[in-house]
Amino acid sequence: MLDEFNCDGTLRFAKRYRDAEAPRATAVERRLGDVGGFCDCEIFMNGWTLYERFWTPEREEVVDGWTTVVDAEPPTELPACATVRRGSVRPCANWTRRRFALH
């Protein structure tokens, strides 16, 4: 949704999902804010990230005799979610909390 419709600085997609699939999850906005997700795009920038096991690994490519390192990349299509029931507002086992080092 974010790729197609961009982020507008709100939780419009998170709220839409909650309203349609889990209307009793009234604390979801607070819980997202607790992990730095104050808008839809911040959920993924600050709160959650796809486990590295789903990413394509870092690799070296040689082009015209020059070796360059291609960084690991997320998959073009997300794997199916597992371990949560339909309508849950909890992340499935494909996602992990982002951890930031304190300086």
N, C-alpha and C. Protein backbone atom coordinates (compact mmCIF):
# COMPACT_ATOMS: atom_id res chain seq x y z
N MET A 1 0.83 -1.20 0.00
CA MET A 1 0.00 0.00 0.00
C MET A 1 0.86 1.25 0.00
N LEU A 2 1.95 1.22 0.78
CA LEU A 2 2.81 2.39 0.84
C LEU A 2 3.52 2.63 -0.48
N ASP A 3 3.93 1.54 -1.16
CA ASP A 3 4.56 1.70 -2.47
C ASP A 3 3.61 2.35 -3.47
N GLU A 4 2.35 1.96 -3.39
CA GLU A 4 1.37 2.46 -4.37
C GLU A 4 0.79 3.82 -4.00
N PHE A 5 0.51 4.05 -2.70
CA PHE A 5 -0.20 5.25 -2.30
C PHE A 5 0.61 6.20 -1.43
N ASN A 6 1.85 5.84 -1.12
CA ASN A 6 2.75 6.68 -0.33
C ASN A 6 2.27 6.85 1.11
N CYS A 7 3.12 7.44 1.90
CA CYS A 7 2.82 7.72 3.30
C CYS A 7 2.30 9.14 3.42
N ASP A 8 1.23 9.33 4.16
CA ASP A 8 0.69 10.68 4.33
C ASP A 8 0.90 11.21 5.75
N GLY A 9 1.77 10.53 6.53
CA GLY A 9 2.06 10.99 7.88
C GLY A 9 1.05 10.54 8.92
N THR A 10 0.14 9.63 8.54
CA THR A 10 -0.86 9.13 9.48
C THR A 10 -0.80 7.59 9.50
N LEU A 11 -1.62 7.01 10.32
CA LEU A 11 -1.75 5.56 10.40
C LEU A 11 -2.98 5.09 9.62
N ARG A 12 -3.22 5.67 8.45
CA ARG A 12 -4.45 5.37 7.71
C ARG A 12 -4.57 3.90 7.34
N PHE A 13 -3.49 3.25 6.91
CA PHE A 13 -3.58 1.84 6.53
C PHE A 13 -3.67 0.94 7.76
N ALA A 14 -2.93 1.28 8.79
CA ALA A 14 -3.00 0.50 10.03
C ALA A 14 -4.41 0.60 10.62
N LYS A 15 -4.98 1.80 10.63
CA LYS A 15 -6.33 1.98 11.16
C LYS A 15 -7.37 1.26 10.29
N ARG A 16 -7.19 1.32 8.98
CA ARG A 16 -8.13 0.66 8.08
C ARG A 16 -8.12 -0.85 8.34
N TYR A 17 -6.92 -1.42 8.49
CA TYR A 17 -6.82 -2.84 8.79
C TYR A 17 -7.48 -3.14 10.13
N ARG A 18 -7.15 -2.36 11.14
CA ARG A 18 -7.73 -2.58 12.47
C ARG A 18 -9.25 -2.51 12.42
N ASP A 19 -9.80 -1.49 11.77
CA ASP A 19 -11.25 -1.32 11.71
C ASP A 19 -11.92 -2.49 11.00
N ALA A 20 -11.29 -3.01 9.94
CA ALA A 20 -11.89 -4.08 9.15
C ALA A 20 -11.69 -5.47 9.78
N GLU A 21 -10.52 -5.70 10.37
CA GLU A 21 -10.17 -7.06 10.80
C GLU A 21 -10.12 -7.26 12.32
N ALA A 22 -9.88 -6.20 13.07
CA ALA A 22 -9.72 -6.36 14.52
C ALA A 22 -10.26 -5.13 15.25
N PRO A 23 -11.54 -4.83 15.11
CA PRO A 23 -12.08 -3.58 15.67
C PRO A 23 -11.95 -3.46 17.18
N ARG A 24 -11.77 -4.56 17.88
CA ARG A 24 -11.63 -4.48 19.34
C ARG A 24 -10.20 -4.15 19.76
N ALA A 25 -9.28 -4.08 18.83
CA ALA A 25 -7.87 -3.78 19.14
C ALA A 25 -7.69 -2.27 19.29
N THR A 26 -8.28 -1.72 20.33
CA THR A 26 -8.31 -0.27 20.49
C THR A 26 -6.97 0.33 20.87
N ALA A 27 -6.02 -0.48 21.33
CA ALA A 27 -4.72 0.04 21.75
C ALA A 27 -3.66 -0.05 20.66
N VAL A 28 -4.05 -0.44 19.45
CA VAL A 28 -3.04 -0.66 18.42
C VAL A 28 -2.26 0.62 18.09
N GLU A 29 -2.90 1.75 18.06
CA GLU A 29 -2.20 3.00 17.75
C GLU A 29 -1.16 3.31 18.83
N ARG A 30 -1.52 3.12 20.08
CA ARG A 30 -0.57 3.36 21.16
C ARG A 30 0.60 2.39 21.06
N ARG A 31 0.29 1.11 20.81
CA ARG A 31 1.35 0.11 20.71
C ARG A 31 2.29 0.39 19.54
N LEU A 32 1.76 0.84 18.43
CA LEU A 32 2.62 1.21 17.30
C LEU A 32 3.48 2.41 17.65
N GLY A 33 2.89 3.39 18.32
CA GLY A 33 3.65 4.56 18.77
C GLY A 33 4.76 4.19 19.74
N ASP A 34 4.52 3.18 20.57
CA ASP A 34 5.54 2.72 21.53
C ASP A 34 6.79 2.21 20.84
N VAL A 35 6.67 1.76 19.59
CA VAL A 35 7.84 1.27 18.84
C VAL A 35 8.28 2.27 17.78
N GLY A 36 7.77 3.50 17.86
CA GLY A 36 8.18 4.54 16.92
C GLY A 36 7.35 4.61 15.66
N GLY A 37 6.23 3.89 15.63
CA GLY A 37 5.37 3.88 14.44
C GLY A 37 4.23 4.86 14.58
N PHE A 38 4.51 6.14 14.36
CA PHE A 38 3.48 7.17 14.50
C PHE A 38 2.74 7.42 13.19
N CYS A 39 3.23 6.84 12.10
CA CYS A 39 2.54 6.83 10.82
C CYS A 39 2.86 5.50 10.14
N ASP A 40 2.17 5.19 9.06
CA ASP A 40 2.34 3.89 8.42
C ASP A 40 3.79 3.60 8.03
N CYS A 41 4.49 4.57 7.47
CA CYS A 41 5.87 4.29 7.03
C CYS A 41 6.82 4.13 8.21
N GLU A 42 6.56 4.81 9.32
CA GLU A 42 7.43 4.68 10.50
C GLU A 42 7.31 3.31 11.16
N ILE A 43 6.20 2.61 10.92
CA ILE A 43 6.08 1.26 11.46
C ILE A 43 7.26 0.43 10.96
N PHE A 44 7.64 0.61 9.70
CA PHE A 44 8.72 -0.17 9.11
C PHE A 44 10.08 0.50 9.22
N MET A 45 10.12 1.81 9.31
CA MET A 45 11.40 2.50 9.49
C MET A 45 11.91 2.37 10.92
N ASN A 46 10.99 2.39 11.89
CA ASN A 46 11.38 2.42 13.29
C ASN A 46 10.98 1.18 14.08
N GLY A 47 9.88 0.56 13.72
CA GLY A 47 9.32 -0.48 14.57
C GLY A 47 9.67 -1.90 14.20
N TRP A 48 9.42 -2.28 12.96
CA TRP A 48 9.54 -3.68 12.56
C TRP A 48 10.30 -3.80 11.24
N THR A 49 11.00 -4.91 11.09
CA THR A 49 11.70 -5.20 9.84
C THR A 49 11.56 -6.69 9.53
N LEU A 50 11.60 -7.00 8.26
CA LEU A 50 11.53 -8.39 7.83
C LEU A 50 12.82 -9.10 8.23
N TYR A 51 12.70 -10.31 8.79
CA TYR A 51 13.89 -11.07 9.18
C TYR A 51 14.83 -11.21 7.99
N GLU A 52 16.12 -11.14 8.28
CA GLU A 52 17.14 -11.22 7.24
C GLU A 52 17.09 -12.51 6.44
N ARG A 53 16.58 -13.58 7.02
CA ARG A 53 16.55 -14.87 6.32
C ARG A 53 15.71 -14.80 5.04
N PHE A 54 14.86 -13.79 4.91
CA PHE A 54 14.04 -13.64 3.72
C PHE A 54 14.71 -12.76 2.65
N TRP A 55 15.78 -12.07 3.01
CA TRP A 55 16.46 -11.16 2.10
C TRP A 55 17.39 -11.92 1.17
N THR A 56 17.66 -11.36 -0.02
CA THR A 56 18.71 -11.92 -0.86
C THR A 56 20.03 -11.52 -0.23
N PRO A 57 21.00 -12.44 -0.17
CA PRO A 57 22.25 -12.14 0.53
C PRO A 57 23.12 -11.12 -0.21
N GLU A 58 23.99 -10.48 0.55
CA GLU A 58 25.01 -9.60 -0.05
C GLU A 58 25.86 -10.45 -0.98
N ARG A 59 26.27 -9.86 -2.08
CA ARG A 59 27.08 -10.62 -3.03
C ARG A 59 28.04 -9.70 -3.78
N GLU A 60 29.03 -10.31 -4.38
CA GLU A 60 29.98 -9.55 -5.20
C GLU A 60 29.65 -9.79 -6.67
N GLU A 61 29.75 -8.73 -7.44
CA GLU A 61 29.56 -8.83 -8.89
C GLU A 61 30.77 -8.22 -9.57
N VAL A 62 31.20 -8.86 -10.65
CA VAL A 62 32.32 -8.35 -11.42
C VAL A 62 31.78 -7.88 -12.77
N VAL A 63 31.98 -6.59 -13.04
CA VAL A 63 31.54 -6.00 -14.31
C VAL A 63 32.74 -5.27 -14.90
N ASP A 64 33.11 -5.65 -16.12
CA ASP A 64 34.25 -5.03 -16.82
C ASP A 64 35.51 -5.04 -15.96
N GLY A 65 35.72 -6.14 -15.24
CA GLY A 65 36.92 -6.28 -14.43
C GLY A 65 36.86 -5.60 -13.07
N TRP A 66 35.77 -4.92 -12.76
CA TRP A 66 35.63 -4.23 -11.48
C TRP A 66 34.69 -5.03 -10.59
N THR A 67 35.12 -5.25 -9.36
CA THR A 67 34.30 -5.98 -8.40
C THR A 67 33.55 -4.98 -7.53
N THR A 68 32.26 -5.16 -7.45
CA THR A 68 31.44 -4.32 -6.58
C THR A 68 30.63 -5.22 -5.65
N VAL A 69 30.32 -4.70 -4.49
CA VAL A 69 29.50 -5.43 -3.53
C VAL A 69 28.07 -4.94 -3.66
N VAL A 70 27.16 -5.87 -3.88
CA VAL A 70 25.73 -5.56 -3.95
C VAL A 70 25.15 -5.89 -2.58
N ASP A 71 24.58 -4.89 -1.93
CA ASP A 71 24.02 -5.08 -0.59
C ASP A 71 22.87 -6.08 -0.59
N ALA A 72 22.63 -6.67 0.57
CA ALA A 72 21.47 -7.54 0.75
C ALA A 72 20.22 -6.73 0.47
N GLU A 73 19.22 -7.38 -0.09
CA GLU A 73 17.99 -6.69 -0.47
C GLU A 73 16.77 -7.47 0.02
N PRO A 74 15.69 -6.74 0.33
CA PRO A 74 14.46 -7.45 0.70
C PRO A 74 13.89 -8.15 -0.53
N PRO A 75 13.05 -9.13 -0.34
CA PRO A 75 12.47 -9.84 -1.48
C PRO A 75 11.50 -8.93 -2.24
N THR A 76 11.30 -9.24 -3.51
CA THR A 76 10.34 -8.44 -4.30
C THR A 76 8.91 -8.74 -3.86
N GLU A 77 8.66 -9.96 -3.38
CA GLU A 77 7.34 -10.31 -2.85
C GLU A 77 7.52 -10.83 -1.43
N LEU A 78 6.67 -10.37 -0.53
CA LEU A 78 6.76 -10.81 0.86
C LEU A 78 6.28 -12.26 0.99
N PRO A 79 6.93 -13.02 1.84
CA PRO A 79 6.46 -14.39 2.08
C PRO A 79 5.14 -14.36 2.85
N ALA A 80 4.38 -15.43 2.73
CA ALA A 80 3.11 -15.52 3.46
C ALA A 80 3.38 -15.49 4.96
N CYS A 81 2.53 -14.80 5.68
CA CYS A 81 2.68 -14.73 7.13
C CYS A 81 2.20 -16.02 7.78
N ALA A 82 2.84 -16.34 8.87
CA ALA A 82 2.46 -17.56 9.62
C ALA A 82 2.52 -17.25 11.10
N THR A 83 1.94 -18.08 11.90
CA THR A 83 1.96 -18.07 13.37
C THR A 83 0.99 -17.10 14.03
N VAL A 84 0.20 -16.38 13.27
CA VAL A 84 -0.83 -15.54 13.88
C VAL A 84 -2.16 -15.85 13.21
N ARG A 85 -3.21 -15.70 13.96
CA ARG A 85 -4.53 -15.96 13.39
C ARG A 85 -4.96 -14.79 12.51
N ARG A 86 -5.83 -15.07 11.58
CA ARG A 86 -6.38 -14.01 10.73
C ARG A 86 -7.05 -12.96 11.62
N GLY A 87 -6.80 -11.70 11.32
CA GLY A 87 -7.40 -10.62 12.10
C GLY A 87 -6.56 -10.17 13.28
N SER A 88 -5.40 -10.77 13.47
CA SER A 88 -4.55 -10.36 14.57
C SER A 88 -3.85 -9.04 14.23
N VAL A 89 -3.59 -8.24 15.24
CA VAL A 89 -2.80 -7.02 15.03
C VAL A 89 -1.36 -7.23 15.49
N ARG A 90 -1.01 -8.43 15.85
CA ARG A 90 0.36 -8.77 16.22
C ARG A 90 1.14 -9.13 14.95
N PRO A 91 2.43 -8.82 14.91
CA PRO A 91 3.22 -9.21 13.73
C PRO A 91 3.40 -10.73 13.70
N CYS A 92 3.51 -11.26 12.49
CA CYS A 92 3.75 -12.70 12.38
C CYS A 92 5.24 -12.98 12.54
N ALA A 93 5.60 -14.24 12.46
CA ALA A 93 6.98 -14.67 12.70
C ALA A 93 7.96 -14.22 11.61
N ASN A 94 7.48 -13.57 10.57
CA ASN A 94 8.38 -13.05 9.52
C ASN A 94 9.04 -11.74 9.93
N TRP A 95 8.55 -11.11 10.96
CA TRP A 95 8.98 -9.77 11.35
C TRP A 95 9.69 -9.79 12.69
N THR A 96 10.63 -8.87 12.85
CA THR A 96 11.35 -8.71 14.10
C THR A 96 11.41 -7.23 14.45
N ARG A 97 11.47 -6.94 15.75
CA ARG A 97 11.58 -5.55 16.20
C ARG A 97 12.92 -4.98 15.77
N ARG A 98 12.89 -3.78 15.28
CA ARG A 98 14.14 -3.08 14.98
C ARG A 98 14.80 -2.72 16.30
N ARG A 99 16.08 -2.88 16.38
CA ARG A 99 16.84 -2.51 17.57
C ARG A 99 17.86 -1.46 17.16
N PHE A 100 17.89 -0.40 17.89
CA PHE A 100 18.83 0.68 17.60
C PHE A 100 19.83 0.78 18.75
N ALA A 101 21.07 0.97 18.39
CA ALA A 101 22.12 1.14 19.42
C ALA A 101 21.99 2.52 20.04
N LEU A 102 22.12 2.56 21.34
CA LEU A 102 22.10 3.84 22.05
C LEU A 102 23.52 4.37 22.09
N HIS A 103 23.67 5.64 21.80
CA HIS A 103 25.00 6.25 21.81
C HIS A 103 25.19 7.08 23.05
